[in-house]
Amino acid sequence: MIKPIRRVVTGHDARGRSVIVSDGASPHVLTIPGRPDFALTNLWVTDGAPASNAGNADAAKRPVVLEPPRNGTIFRVVEFPPDQAPGGFDRAAAFAAMGADHAMDRDASRHPGMHKTDSVDYAIVLTGEIWALMDDGETLLRAGDTLVQRGTNHAWSNRSDRPCLVAFILVSARPLAGKPSAKPARRTPTRAGSGKRSAARRRSSRTSARSRRATRRRS
């Protein structure tokens, strides 16, 4: 059974005084298909920077997806079951459920969970232990350890015999230069007729150069 994550959210009353708005287990949980012991629990989501603290609406009340909104953040806790736990891992179904087919590494030889997102991820291990895998290298993290994930291809491997809880703060980031973006890039619109104007300027330059050469020969 997935561990409920207590979430306390503060806000303001009608007089502008600070209050506890809610206190209880976050209901925003996504269980990985076929793995009732593997889940993401969202605690809060922001949609831009600076973030808004106006109102008392639950900002995490939306579908649970892998990546934060563009220019936004996600605060969540992930429960990783042991790799050896029964149930297997359907990677295509898992990433599809998280709305992140594009983030999945097509090569599963390193680990079926390998993926990359356009984000900076702050990870804090709460309980248990887990291995962080890169394309080249890996390291063991235990409770109290932290990791800063900077848009790298990676996976998480729980090689112990008990679940591991990791808190994540995911911050939207620019795609790395020279590397394919995890999200489809936006096309920059071109002005109508700009190509024709460029061609005309090139023809004009060539005509001017020929005229200068003819003038030098006559002189």
N, C-alpha and C. Protein backbone atom coordinates (compact mmCIF):
# COMPACT_ATOMS: atom_id res chain seq x y z
N MET A 1 0.84 -1.21 0.00
CA MET A 1 0.00 0.00 0.00
C MET A 1 0.88 1.25 0.00
N ILE A 2 0.50 2.22 -0.84
CA ILE A 2 1.25 3.47 -0.92
C ILE A 2 1.10 4.28 0.36
N LYS A 3 2.21 4.82 0.84
CA LYS A 3 2.18 5.63 2.06
C LYS A 3 1.49 6.97 1.78
N PRO A 4 0.43 7.31 2.53
CA PRO A 4 -0.19 8.63 2.37
C PRO A 4 0.80 9.72 2.82
N ILE A 5 0.84 10.81 2.08
CA ILE A 5 1.75 11.90 2.41
C ILE A 5 0.95 13.07 2.99
N ARG A 6 1.19 13.35 4.26
CA ARG A 6 0.49 14.47 4.90
C ARG A 6 0.97 15.79 4.30
N ARG A 7 0.02 16.64 3.98
CA ARG A 7 0.30 17.93 3.36
C ARG A 7 -0.42 19.03 4.13
N VAL A 8 0.35 19.98 4.64
CA VAL A 8 -0.22 21.14 5.33
C VAL A 8 -0.03 22.35 4.42
N VAL A 9 -1.12 23.04 4.12
CA VAL A 9 -1.07 24.20 3.23
C VAL A 9 -1.57 25.43 4.00
N THR A 10 -0.83 26.52 3.91
CA THR A 10 -1.22 27.76 4.58
C THR A 10 -1.83 28.75 3.59
N GLY A 11 -2.46 29.78 4.11
CA GLY A 11 -3.06 30.81 3.27
C GLY A 11 -3.50 31.99 4.12
N HIS A 12 -4.52 32.70 3.65
CA HIS A 12 -5.00 33.89 4.36
C HIS A 12 -6.52 33.86 4.45
N ASP A 13 -7.05 34.39 5.53
CA ASP A 13 -8.51 34.48 5.66
C ASP A 13 -8.99 35.80 5.06
N ALA A 14 -10.28 36.09 5.22
CA ALA A 14 -10.87 37.28 4.62
C ALA A 14 -10.28 38.57 5.19
N ARG A 15 -9.69 38.49 6.39
CA ARG A 15 -9.09 39.67 7.01
C ARG A 15 -7.61 39.81 6.67
N GLY A 16 -7.10 38.86 5.90
CA GLY A 16 -5.69 38.91 5.53
C GLY A 16 -4.77 38.28 6.54
N ARG A 17 -5.33 37.60 7.54
CA ARG A 17 -4.51 36.95 8.56
C ARG A 17 -4.13 35.55 8.10
N SER A 18 -2.92 35.11 8.48
CA SER A 18 -2.44 33.79 8.05
C SER A 18 -3.19 32.68 8.78
N VAL A 19 -3.52 31.62 8.03
CA VAL A 19 -4.28 30.49 8.58
C VAL A 19 -3.80 29.19 7.95
N ILE A 20 -4.16 28.08 8.58
CA ILE A 20 -3.96 26.76 7.99
C ILE A 20 -5.17 26.50 7.09
N VAL A 21 -4.93 26.36 5.80
CA VAL A 21 -6.02 26.16 4.85
C VAL A 21 -6.43 24.69 4.79
N SER A 22 -5.45 23.79 4.83
CA SER A 22 -5.76 22.36 4.78
C SER A 22 -4.67 21.58 5.48
N ASP A 23 -5.03 20.41 6.00
CA ASP A 23 -4.09 19.54 6.70
C ASP A 23 -4.60 18.11 6.55
N GLY A 24 -3.92 17.34 5.72
CA GLY A 24 -4.34 15.96 5.50
C GLY A 24 -3.54 15.32 4.38
N ALA A 25 -3.81 14.06 4.12
CA ALA A 25 -3.09 13.35 3.06
C ALA A 25 -3.42 13.95 1.70
N SER A 26 -2.41 14.20 0.89
CA SER A 26 -2.67 14.73 -0.45
C SER A 26 -3.43 13.69 -1.27
N PRO A 27 -4.51 14.11 -1.93
CA PRO A 27 -5.29 13.17 -2.74
C PRO A 27 -4.78 13.03 -4.17
N HIS A 28 -3.74 13.78 -4.50
CA HIS A 28 -3.27 13.83 -5.89
C HIS A 28 -2.18 12.78 -6.12
N VAL A 29 -2.63 11.56 -6.34
CA VAL A 29 -1.74 10.41 -6.43
C VAL A 29 -1.89 9.72 -7.79
N LEU A 30 -0.77 9.44 -8.43
CA LEU A 30 -0.78 8.65 -9.66
C LEU A 30 -0.02 7.35 -9.40
N THR A 31 -0.72 6.24 -9.57
CA THR A 31 -0.09 4.93 -9.43
C THR A 31 0.33 4.43 -10.81
N ILE A 32 1.56 3.94 -10.90
CA ILE A 32 2.07 3.46 -12.18
C ILE A 32 1.28 2.22 -12.62
N PRO A 33 0.82 2.14 -13.88
CA PRO A 33 0.03 1.00 -14.34
C PRO A 33 0.71 -0.34 -14.06
N GLY A 34 -0.04 -1.24 -13.46
CA GLY A 34 0.48 -2.57 -13.15
C GLY A 34 1.34 -2.62 -11.92
N ARG A 35 1.58 -1.46 -11.27
CA ARG A 35 2.42 -1.42 -10.07
C ARG A 35 1.73 -0.62 -8.97
N PRO A 36 0.85 -1.22 -8.21
CA PRO A 36 0.16 -0.50 -7.14
C PRO A 36 1.10 -0.06 -6.02
N ASP A 37 2.36 -0.51 -6.07
CA ASP A 37 3.34 -0.14 -5.04
C ASP A 37 4.29 0.96 -5.52
N PHE A 38 4.00 1.56 -6.68
CA PHE A 38 4.88 2.57 -7.28
C PHE A 38 4.00 3.79 -7.60
N ALA A 39 4.25 4.93 -6.93
CA ALA A 39 3.33 6.05 -7.10
C ALA A 39 4.01 7.41 -6.94
N LEU A 40 3.40 8.41 -7.59
CA LEU A 40 3.78 9.81 -7.46
C LEU A 40 2.67 10.53 -6.71
N THR A 41 3.02 11.27 -5.66
CA THR A 41 2.04 12.06 -4.91
C THR A 41 2.40 13.54 -5.05
N ASN A 42 1.56 14.28 -5.76
CA ASN A 42 1.82 15.71 -5.93
C ASN A 42 1.31 16.48 -4.71
N LEU A 43 2.13 17.45 -4.28
CA LEU A 43 1.79 18.28 -3.13
C LEU A 43 1.43 19.71 -3.53
N TRP A 44 2.14 20.23 -4.54
CA TRP A 44 1.83 21.59 -5.00
C TRP A 44 2.39 21.77 -6.40
N VAL A 45 1.78 22.67 -7.17
CA VAL A 45 2.22 22.97 -8.53
C VAL A 45 2.11 24.47 -8.75
N THR A 46 3.12 25.06 -9.39
CA THR A 46 3.02 26.47 -9.78
C THR A 46 3.13 26.55 -11.30
N ASP A 47 2.55 27.63 -11.86
CA ASP A 47 2.46 27.76 -13.31
C ASP A 47 3.34 28.85 -13.89
N GLY A 48 4.09 29.54 -13.09
CA GLY A 48 4.94 30.60 -13.61
C GLY A 48 5.83 31.16 -12.53
N ALA A 49 6.68 32.10 -12.91
CA ALA A 49 7.58 32.75 -11.96
C ALA A 49 7.55 34.25 -12.20
N PRO A 50 7.33 35.05 -11.15
CA PRO A 50 7.06 34.65 -9.77
C PRO A 50 5.74 33.90 -9.65
N ALA A 51 5.68 32.98 -8.69
CA ALA A 51 4.46 32.23 -8.45
C ALA A 51 3.43 33.10 -7.75
N SER A 52 2.17 32.71 -7.86
CA SER A 52 1.09 33.47 -7.20
C SER A 52 0.68 32.80 -5.89
N ASN A 53 0.54 33.62 -4.85
CA ASN A 53 0.03 33.14 -3.56
C ASN A 53 -1.40 33.62 -3.32
N ALA A 54 -2.04 34.12 -4.36
CA ALA A 54 -3.40 34.64 -4.21
C ALA A 54 -4.41 33.50 -4.08
N GLY A 55 -5.42 33.70 -3.27
CA GLY A 55 -6.49 32.73 -3.12
C GLY A 55 -6.08 31.51 -2.32
N ASN A 56 -7.04 30.61 -2.14
CA ASN A 56 -6.79 29.40 -1.35
C ASN A 56 -7.14 28.13 -2.12
N ALA A 57 -7.17 28.22 -3.44
CA ALA A 57 -7.47 27.05 -4.26
C ALA A 57 -6.31 26.06 -4.20
N ASP A 58 -6.63 24.78 -4.37
CA ASP A 58 -5.61 23.73 -4.36
C ASP A 58 -4.91 23.71 -5.71
N ALA A 59 -3.67 24.21 -5.76
CA ALA A 59 -2.94 24.34 -7.02
C ALA A 59 -2.51 22.99 -7.59
N ALA A 60 -2.56 21.93 -6.78
CA ALA A 60 -2.17 20.61 -7.25
C ALA A 60 -3.35 19.81 -7.79
N LYS A 61 -4.53 20.42 -7.80
CA LYS A 61 -5.73 19.72 -8.26
C LYS A 61 -5.76 19.74 -9.78
N ARG A 62 -5.06 18.80 -10.37
CA ARG A 62 -4.92 18.67 -11.81
C ARG A 62 -4.32 17.29 -12.10
N PRO A 63 -4.29 16.83 -13.35
CA PRO A 63 -3.68 15.53 -13.63
C PRO A 63 -2.22 15.49 -13.19
N VAL A 64 -1.80 14.36 -12.64
CA VAL A 64 -0.42 14.18 -12.21
C VAL A 64 0.41 13.76 -13.42
N VAL A 65 1.35 14.62 -13.81
CA VAL A 65 2.24 14.34 -14.95
C VAL A 65 3.69 14.43 -14.49
N LEU A 66 4.58 13.93 -15.33
CA LEU A 66 5.99 13.85 -14.92
C LEU A 66 6.63 15.22 -14.80
N GLU A 67 6.41 16.10 -15.79
CA GLU A 67 7.15 17.36 -15.88
C GLU A 67 6.37 18.55 -15.35
N PRO A 68 7.08 19.57 -14.87
CA PRO A 68 6.39 20.78 -14.41
C PRO A 68 5.88 21.59 -15.60
N PRO A 69 4.92 22.50 -15.38
CA PRO A 69 4.48 23.38 -16.45
C PRO A 69 5.64 24.26 -16.93
N ARG A 70 5.55 24.75 -18.17
CA ARG A 70 6.59 25.65 -18.66
C ARG A 70 6.71 26.84 -17.72
N ASN A 71 7.92 27.11 -17.23
CA ASN A 71 8.23 28.17 -16.27
C ASN A 71 7.65 27.92 -14.89
N GLY A 72 7.15 26.69 -14.63
CA GLY A 72 6.56 26.39 -13.34
C GLY A 72 7.34 25.36 -12.54
N THR A 73 6.70 24.83 -11.49
CA THR A 73 7.34 23.87 -10.60
C THR A 73 6.35 22.80 -10.17
N ILE A 74 6.89 21.68 -9.69
CA ILE A 74 6.10 20.64 -9.03
C ILE A 74 6.83 20.23 -7.76
N PHE A 75 6.07 20.11 -6.68
CA PHE A 75 6.58 19.56 -5.42
C PHE A 75 5.86 18.23 -5.22
N ARG A 76 6.63 17.13 -5.12
CA ARG A 76 6.00 15.81 -5.01
C ARG A 76 6.87 14.85 -4.20
N VAL A 77 6.25 13.72 -3.83
CA VAL A 77 6.96 12.61 -3.21
C VAL A 77 6.71 11.38 -4.07
N VAL A 78 7.77 10.64 -4.36
CA VAL A 78 7.65 9.41 -5.14
C VAL A 78 8.02 8.23 -4.26
N GLU A 79 7.18 7.20 -4.29
CA GLU A 79 7.48 5.96 -3.59
C GLU A 79 7.99 4.94 -4.62
N PHE A 80 9.27 4.55 -4.47
CA PHE A 80 9.89 3.59 -5.37
C PHE A 80 9.90 2.21 -4.72
N PRO A 81 9.26 1.22 -5.31
CA PRO A 81 9.30 -0.12 -4.75
C PRO A 81 10.65 -0.77 -5.06
N PRO A 82 11.00 -1.85 -4.38
CA PRO A 82 12.23 -2.58 -4.73
C PRO A 82 12.18 -3.07 -6.18
N ASP A 83 13.32 -3.03 -6.87
CA ASP A 83 13.37 -3.53 -8.25
C ASP A 83 12.91 -4.98 -8.33
N GLN A 84 13.22 -5.74 -7.27
CA GLN A 84 12.93 -7.17 -7.29
C GLN A 84 11.47 -7.49 -6.94
N ALA A 85 10.67 -6.48 -6.59
CA ALA A 85 9.27 -6.72 -6.23
C ALA A 85 8.52 -7.27 -7.44
N PRO A 86 7.55 -8.16 -7.22
CA PRO A 86 6.80 -8.73 -8.34
C PRO A 86 5.95 -7.68 -9.05
N GLY A 87 5.69 -7.92 -10.33
CA GLY A 87 4.83 -6.99 -11.07
C GLY A 87 5.45 -6.48 -12.35
N GLY A 88 6.79 -6.50 -12.42
CA GLY A 88 7.44 -6.02 -13.63
C GLY A 88 7.27 -4.52 -13.82
N PHE A 89 7.72 -4.03 -14.98
CA PHE A 89 7.65 -2.60 -15.26
C PHE A 89 7.43 -2.41 -16.75
N ASP A 90 6.20 -2.02 -17.12
CA ASP A 90 5.88 -1.72 -18.51
C ASP A 90 6.24 -0.27 -18.75
N ARG A 91 7.43 -0.04 -19.31
CA ARG A 91 7.94 1.33 -19.43
C ARG A 91 7.07 2.20 -20.32
N ALA A 92 6.56 1.64 -21.42
CA ALA A 92 5.73 2.43 -22.33
C ALA A 92 4.46 2.88 -21.62
N ALA A 93 3.83 1.96 -20.88
CA ALA A 93 2.60 2.30 -20.16
C ALA A 93 2.89 3.29 -19.03
N ALA A 94 4.03 3.14 -18.37
CA ALA A 94 4.38 4.01 -17.25
C ALA A 94 4.56 5.45 -17.72
N PHE A 95 5.37 5.65 -18.77
CA PHE A 95 5.62 7.02 -19.24
C PHE A 95 4.38 7.62 -19.88
N ALA A 96 3.57 6.80 -20.54
CA ALA A 96 2.32 7.31 -21.11
C ALA A 96 1.39 7.79 -20.01
N ALA A 97 1.32 7.06 -18.90
CA ALA A 97 0.45 7.45 -17.78
C ALA A 97 0.89 8.78 -17.19
N MET A 98 2.18 9.09 -17.27
CA MET A 98 2.71 10.34 -16.75
C MET A 98 2.73 11.44 -17.80
N GLY A 99 2.17 11.17 -18.99
CA GLY A 99 2.17 12.16 -20.06
C GLY A 99 3.55 12.50 -20.55
N ALA A 100 4.44 11.51 -20.56
CA ALA A 100 5.85 11.80 -20.85
C ALA A 100 6.48 10.78 -21.80
N ASP A 101 5.73 10.36 -22.83
CA ASP A 101 6.31 9.44 -23.81
C ASP A 101 7.59 10.01 -24.41
N HIS A 102 7.60 11.33 -24.66
CA HIS A 102 8.74 11.99 -25.30
C HIS A 102 9.98 12.00 -24.42
N ALA A 103 9.82 11.87 -23.10
CA ALA A 103 10.96 11.93 -22.18
C ALA A 103 11.67 10.59 -22.04
N MET A 104 11.02 9.51 -22.44
CA MET A 104 11.58 8.16 -22.26
C MET A 104 12.74 7.92 -23.21
N ASP A 105 13.84 7.39 -22.69
CA ASP A 105 14.97 6.99 -23.51
C ASP A 105 14.57 5.73 -24.28
N ARG A 106 14.67 5.76 -25.60
CA ARG A 106 14.26 4.60 -26.40
C ARG A 106 15.15 3.40 -26.17
N ASP A 107 16.37 3.64 -25.67
CA ASP A 107 17.29 2.56 -25.36
C ASP A 107 17.11 2.16 -23.90
N ALA A 108 16.58 0.95 -23.67
CA ALA A 108 16.32 0.49 -22.31
C ALA A 108 17.41 -0.41 -21.77
N SER A 109 18.54 -0.48 -22.48
CA SER A 109 19.58 -1.42 -22.07
C SER A 109 20.21 -1.04 -20.74
N ARG A 110 20.31 0.25 -20.45
CA ARG A 110 20.90 0.70 -19.17
C ARG A 110 19.93 0.44 -18.02
N HIS A 111 18.66 0.87 -18.21
CA HIS A 111 17.60 0.67 -17.21
C HIS A 111 16.29 1.04 -17.88
N PRO A 112 15.21 0.31 -17.64
CA PRO A 112 13.94 0.63 -18.29
C PRO A 112 13.35 1.98 -17.90
N GLY A 113 13.83 2.55 -16.81
CA GLY A 113 13.31 3.84 -16.36
C GLY A 113 14.10 5.04 -16.85
N MET A 114 15.09 4.85 -17.73
CA MET A 114 15.90 5.97 -18.19
C MET A 114 15.04 7.00 -18.92
N HIS A 115 15.23 8.28 -18.55
CA HIS A 115 14.48 9.37 -19.16
C HIS A 115 15.18 10.69 -18.92
N LYS A 116 14.72 11.72 -19.63
CA LYS A 116 15.31 13.06 -19.51
C LYS A 116 14.22 14.10 -19.67
N THR A 117 14.25 15.13 -18.83
CA THR A 117 13.26 16.21 -18.90
C THR A 117 13.96 17.57 -18.91
N ASP A 118 13.27 18.58 -19.43
CA ASP A 118 13.78 19.95 -19.42
C ASP A 118 13.46 20.57 -18.07
N SER A 119 14.23 20.18 -17.07
CA SER A 119 13.97 20.67 -15.71
C SER A 119 15.22 20.53 -14.86
N VAL A 120 15.24 21.30 -13.77
CA VAL A 120 16.20 21.09 -12.69
C VAL A 120 15.42 20.43 -11.57
N ASP A 121 15.88 19.26 -11.12
CA ASP A 121 15.15 18.49 -10.11
C ASP A 121 15.97 18.42 -8.83
N TYR A 122 15.40 18.91 -7.73
CA TYR A 122 16.03 18.80 -6.42
C TYR A 122 15.42 17.57 -5.73
N ALA A 123 16.25 16.60 -5.42
CA ALA A 123 15.78 15.34 -4.82
C ALA A 123 16.32 15.21 -3.40
N ILE A 124 15.44 14.80 -2.47
CA ILE A 124 15.83 14.56 -1.08
C ILE A 124 15.30 13.18 -0.68
N VAL A 125 16.19 12.27 -0.34
CA VAL A 125 15.76 10.94 0.07
C VAL A 125 15.21 11.03 1.49
N LEU A 126 13.95 10.60 1.66
CA LEU A 126 13.30 10.68 2.96
C LEU A 126 13.48 9.40 3.77
N THR A 127 13.23 8.27 3.13
CA THR A 127 13.41 6.98 3.80
C THR A 127 13.98 5.98 2.81
N GLY A 128 14.70 4.99 3.33
CA GLY A 128 15.25 3.95 2.49
C GLY A 128 16.50 4.39 1.75
N GLU A 129 16.79 3.69 0.66
CA GLU A 129 17.96 4.01 -0.15
C GLU A 129 17.65 3.72 -1.61
N ILE A 130 18.38 4.42 -2.50
CA ILE A 130 18.12 4.27 -3.93
C ILE A 130 19.37 4.64 -4.72
N TRP A 131 19.55 3.99 -5.86
CA TRP A 131 20.67 4.29 -6.75
C TRP A 131 20.22 5.27 -7.82
N ALA A 132 21.03 6.31 -8.05
CA ALA A 132 20.81 7.24 -9.16
C ALA A 132 21.72 6.83 -10.29
N LEU A 133 21.13 6.52 -11.44
CA LEU A 133 21.88 6.03 -12.60
C LEU A 133 21.96 7.12 -13.67
N MET A 134 23.18 7.34 -14.20
CA MET A 134 23.41 8.22 -15.35
C MET A 134 23.78 7.36 -16.55
N ASP A 135 23.99 7.99 -17.70
CA ASP A 135 24.49 7.25 -18.85
C ASP A 135 25.82 6.57 -18.50
N ASP A 136 26.63 7.32 -17.75
CA ASP A 136 27.94 6.81 -17.34
C ASP A 136 28.09 7.07 -15.85
N GLY A 137 27.99 6.03 -15.05
CA GLY A 137 28.16 6.16 -13.60
C GLY A 137 26.86 6.05 -12.83
N GLU A 138 26.97 5.79 -11.54
CA GLU A 138 25.83 5.69 -10.65
C GLU A 138 26.31 5.93 -9.22
N THR A 139 25.36 6.27 -8.33
CA THR A 139 25.73 6.50 -6.94
C THR A 139 24.57 6.12 -6.04
N LEU A 140 24.88 5.66 -4.83
CA LEU A 140 23.87 5.25 -3.86
C LEU A 140 23.52 6.42 -2.97
N LEU A 141 22.22 6.68 -2.83
CA LEU A 141 21.71 7.74 -1.96
C LEU A 141 20.91 7.12 -0.83
N ARG A 142 21.16 7.59 0.39
CA ARG A 142 20.43 7.11 1.56
C ARG A 142 19.65 8.25 2.19
N ALA A 143 18.80 7.92 3.16
CA ALA A 143 17.95 8.93 3.81
C ALA A 143 18.79 10.12 4.27
N GLY A 144 18.36 11.31 3.89
CA GLY A 144 19.08 12.53 4.23
C GLY A 144 19.97 13.02 3.11
N ASP A 145 20.27 12.17 2.13
CA ASP A 145 21.10 12.58 1.00
C ASP A 145 20.27 13.36 -0.02
N THR A 146 20.96 14.19 -0.80
CA THR A 146 20.29 15.00 -1.81
C THR A 146 20.98 14.84 -3.16
N LEU A 147 20.24 15.19 -4.21
CA LEU A 147 20.80 15.14 -5.56
C LEU A 147 20.17 16.26 -6.38
N VAL A 148 20.99 16.90 -7.21
CA VAL A 148 20.51 17.94 -8.12
C VAL A 148 20.61 17.39 -9.54
N GLN A 149 19.45 17.18 -10.15
CA GLN A 149 19.37 16.61 -11.49
C GLN A 149 19.23 17.76 -12.49
N ARG A 150 20.19 17.88 -13.41
CA ARG A 150 20.25 19.05 -14.30
C ARG A 150 20.00 18.65 -15.75
N GLY A 151 18.78 18.22 -16.04
CA GLY A 151 18.42 17.88 -17.41
C GLY A 151 19.17 16.69 -17.96
N THR A 152 19.62 15.78 -17.08
CA THR A 152 20.41 14.63 -17.52
C THR A 152 19.54 13.40 -17.73
N ASN A 153 20.00 12.53 -18.63
CA ASN A 153 19.35 11.24 -18.83
C ASN A 153 19.63 10.39 -17.59
N HIS A 154 18.57 9.85 -16.97
CA HIS A 154 18.79 9.17 -15.69
C HIS A 154 17.67 8.18 -15.40
N ALA A 155 17.91 7.38 -14.36
CA ALA A 155 16.89 6.46 -13.84
C ALA A 155 17.14 6.26 -12.36
N TRP A 156 16.13 5.68 -11.68
CA TRP A 156 16.23 5.39 -10.25
C TRP A 156 16.09 3.88 -10.06
N SER A 157 16.98 3.31 -9.28
CA SER A 157 16.99 1.85 -9.08
C SER A 157 17.03 1.54 -7.58
N ASN A 158 15.95 0.94 -7.09
CA ASN A 158 15.86 0.55 -5.68
C ASN A 158 16.27 -0.91 -5.55
N ARG A 159 17.51 -1.15 -5.17
CA ARG A 159 18.05 -2.50 -5.09
C ARG A 159 17.93 -3.10 -3.69
N SER A 160 17.20 -2.41 -2.81
CA SER A 160 17.01 -2.91 -1.45
C SER A 160 15.77 -3.79 -1.40
N ASP A 161 15.37 -4.17 -0.19
CA ASP A 161 14.19 -5.02 -0.03
C ASP A 161 13.01 -4.27 0.59
N ARG A 162 13.06 -2.92 0.56
CA ARG A 162 11.98 -2.13 1.12
C ARG A 162 11.76 -0.87 0.28
N PRO A 163 10.57 -0.28 0.35
CA PRO A 163 10.31 0.92 -0.45
C PRO A 163 11.23 2.08 -0.07
N CYS A 164 11.40 2.99 -1.02
CA CYS A 164 12.19 4.21 -0.80
C CYS A 164 11.31 5.41 -1.14
N LEU A 165 11.27 6.39 -0.24
CA LEU A 165 10.52 7.62 -0.47
C LEU A 165 11.49 8.75 -0.79
N VAL A 166 11.24 9.43 -1.91
CA VAL A 166 12.09 10.55 -2.32
C VAL A 166 11.20 11.76 -2.59
N ALA A 167 11.54 12.90 -1.99
CA ALA A 167 10.84 14.16 -2.27
C ALA A 167 11.55 14.85 -3.42
N PHE A 168 10.76 15.43 -4.33
CA PHE A 168 11.31 16.13 -5.49
C PHE A 168 10.68 17.51 -5.61
N ILE A 169 11.51 18.50 -5.94
CA ILE A 169 11.04 19.79 -6.41
C ILE A 169 11.57 19.94 -7.83
N LEU A 170 10.65 19.93 -8.79
CA LEU A 170 11.02 20.02 -10.20
C LEU A 170 10.77 21.44 -10.70
N VAL A 171 11.80 22.03 -11.30
CA VAL A 171 11.72 23.40 -11.78
C VAL A 171 11.93 23.42 -13.29
N SER A 172 11.01 24.01 -14.02
CA SER A 172 11.13 24.09 -15.47
C SER A 172 12.44 24.77 -15.86
N ALA A 173 13.10 24.24 -16.90
CA ALA A 173 14.39 24.77 -17.33
C ALA A 173 14.43 24.86 -18.85
N ARG A 174 15.36 25.69 -19.36
CA ARG A 174 15.56 25.78 -20.80
C ARG A 174 16.18 24.48 -21.30
N PRO A 175 15.83 24.04 -22.51
CA PRO A 175 16.50 22.86 -23.09
C PRO A 175 17.99 23.12 -23.21
N LEU A 176 18.80 22.09 -23.01
CA LEU A 176 20.24 22.24 -23.14
C LEU A 176 20.63 22.48 -24.59
N ALA A 177 21.55 23.42 -24.82
CA ALA A 177 22.01 23.71 -26.17
C ALA A 177 22.74 22.49 -26.74
N GLY A 178 22.44 22.18 -27.98
CA GLY A 178 23.11 21.07 -28.64
C GLY A 178 22.52 19.73 -28.32
N LYS A 179 21.49 19.69 -27.48
CA LYS A 179 20.84 18.42 -27.13
C LYS A 179 19.36 18.53 -27.47
N PRO A 180 18.76 17.45 -27.96
CA PRO A 180 17.34 17.51 -28.31
C PRO A 180 16.49 17.82 -27.10
N SER A 181 15.51 18.68 -27.29
CA SER A 181 14.60 19.04 -26.21
C SER A 181 13.65 17.90 -25.90
N ALA A 182 13.32 17.74 -24.61
CA ALA A 182 12.36 16.71 -24.23
C ALA A 182 10.97 17.07 -24.75
N LYS A 183 10.70 18.38 -24.85
CA LYS A 183 9.42 18.82 -25.35
C LYS A 183 9.58 19.34 -26.78
N PRO A 184 8.55 19.20 -27.62
CA PRO A 184 8.64 19.70 -28.99
C PRO A 184 8.96 21.19 -28.99
N ALA A 185 9.92 21.57 -29.84
CA ALA A 185 10.32 22.97 -29.91
C ALA A 185 9.30 23.78 -30.71
N ARG A 186 9.17 25.06 -30.34
CA ARG A 186 8.27 25.93 -31.08
C ARG A 186 8.99 26.46 -32.32
N ARG A 187 8.29 26.49 -33.46
CA ARG A 187 8.86 27.05 -34.67
C ARG A 187 8.80 28.57 -34.62
N THR A 188 9.89 29.21 -35.10
CA THR A 188 9.90 30.66 -35.18
C THR A 188 9.29 31.08 -36.50
N PRO A 189 8.19 31.83 -36.49
CA PRO A 189 7.55 32.21 -37.76
C PRO A 189 8.44 33.12 -38.58
N THR A 190 8.39 32.96 -39.89
CA THR A 190 9.16 33.81 -40.80
C THR A 190 8.20 34.74 -41.50
N ARG A 191 8.66 35.95 -41.79
CA ARG A 191 7.81 36.92 -42.45
C ARG A 191 7.60 36.53 -43.91
N ALA A 192 6.38 36.72 -44.38
CA ALA A 192 6.09 36.43 -45.77
C ALA A 192 6.93 37.34 -46.65
N GLY A 193 7.58 36.77 -47.68
CA GLY A 193 8.35 37.55 -48.63
C GLY A 193 9.78 37.82 -48.20
N SER A 194 10.18 37.38 -46.98
CA SER A 194 11.53 37.66 -46.52
C SER A 194 12.56 36.97 -47.38
N GLY A 195 12.21 35.77 -47.89
CA GLY A 195 13.14 35.05 -48.76
C GLY A 195 13.36 35.77 -50.06
N LYS A 196 12.28 36.36 -50.62
CA LYS A 196 12.42 37.08 -51.88
C LYS A 196 13.28 38.32 -51.70
N ARG A 197 13.09 39.03 -50.56
CA ARG A 197 13.90 40.23 -50.33
C ARG A 197 15.37 39.89 -50.19
N SER A 198 15.70 38.76 -49.54
CA SER A 198 17.09 38.35 -49.38
C SER A 198 17.71 38.05 -50.73
N ALA A 199 16.97 37.35 -51.59
CA ALA A 199 17.50 37.01 -52.92
C ALA A 199 17.75 38.27 -53.73
N ALA A 200 16.84 39.26 -53.63
CA ALA A 200 17.00 40.52 -54.37
C ALA A 200 18.25 41.26 -53.90
N ARG A 201 18.50 41.26 -52.57
CA ARG A 201 19.70 41.93 -52.05
C ARG A 201 20.95 41.25 -52.56
N ARG A 202 20.96 39.90 -52.66
CA ARG A 202 22.14 39.21 -53.17
C ARG A 202 22.39 39.55 -54.63
N ARG A 203 21.31 39.61 -55.46
CA ARG A 203 21.48 39.97 -56.87
C ARG A 203 22.02 41.38 -57.02
N SER A 204 21.52 42.31 -56.19
CA SER A 204 21.97 43.70 -56.24
C SER A 204 23.46 43.80 -55.91
N SER A 205 23.93 43.01 -54.92
CA SER A 205 25.34 43.03 -54.53
C SER A 205 26.22 42.54 -55.66
N ARG A 206 25.78 41.46 -56.34
CA ARG A 206 26.59 40.92 -57.45
C ARG A 206 26.66 41.93 -58.60
N THR A 207 25.53 42.63 -58.90
CA THR A 207 25.52 43.63 -59.98
C THR A 207 26.47 44.77 -59.67
N SER A 208 26.48 45.24 -58.40
CA SER A 208 27.37 46.33 -58.00
C SER A 208 28.82 45.93 -58.13
N ALA A 209 29.15 44.68 -57.77
CA ALA A 209 30.53 44.22 -57.86
C ALA A 209 30.98 44.19 -59.31
N ARG A 210 30.11 43.73 -60.24
CA ARG A 210 30.50 43.70 -61.66
C ARG A 210 30.72 45.11 -62.20
N SER A 211 29.88 46.05 -61.78
CA SER A 211 30.02 47.43 -62.24
C SER A 211 31.35 48.03 -61.80
N ARG A 212 31.77 47.74 -60.55
CA ARG A 212 33.05 48.28 -60.06
C ARG A 212 34.22 47.71 -60.83
N ARG A 213 34.16 46.39 -61.15
CA ARG A 213 35.26 45.79 -61.91
C ARG A 213 35.35 46.38 -63.31
N ALA A 214 34.19 46.64 -63.97
CA ALA A 214 34.19 47.23 -65.33
C ALA A 214 34.77 48.63 -65.29
N THR A 215 34.45 49.39 -64.28
CA THR A 215 34.96 50.76 -64.17
C THR A 215 36.47 50.77 -64.03
N ARG A 216 37.03 49.85 -63.22
CA ARG A 216 38.49 49.78 -63.05
C ARG A 216 39.18 49.43 -64.36
N ARG A 217 38.58 48.52 -65.18
CA ARG A 217 39.23 48.13 -66.46
C ARG A 217 39.26 49.32 -67.43
N ARG A 218 38.17 50.12 -67.50
CA ARG A 218 38.16 51.27 -68.41
C ARG A 218 39.16 52.33 -68.02
N SER A 219 39.38 52.45 -66.71
CA SER A 219 40.33 53.48 -66.24
C SER A 219 41.77 53.01 -66.43
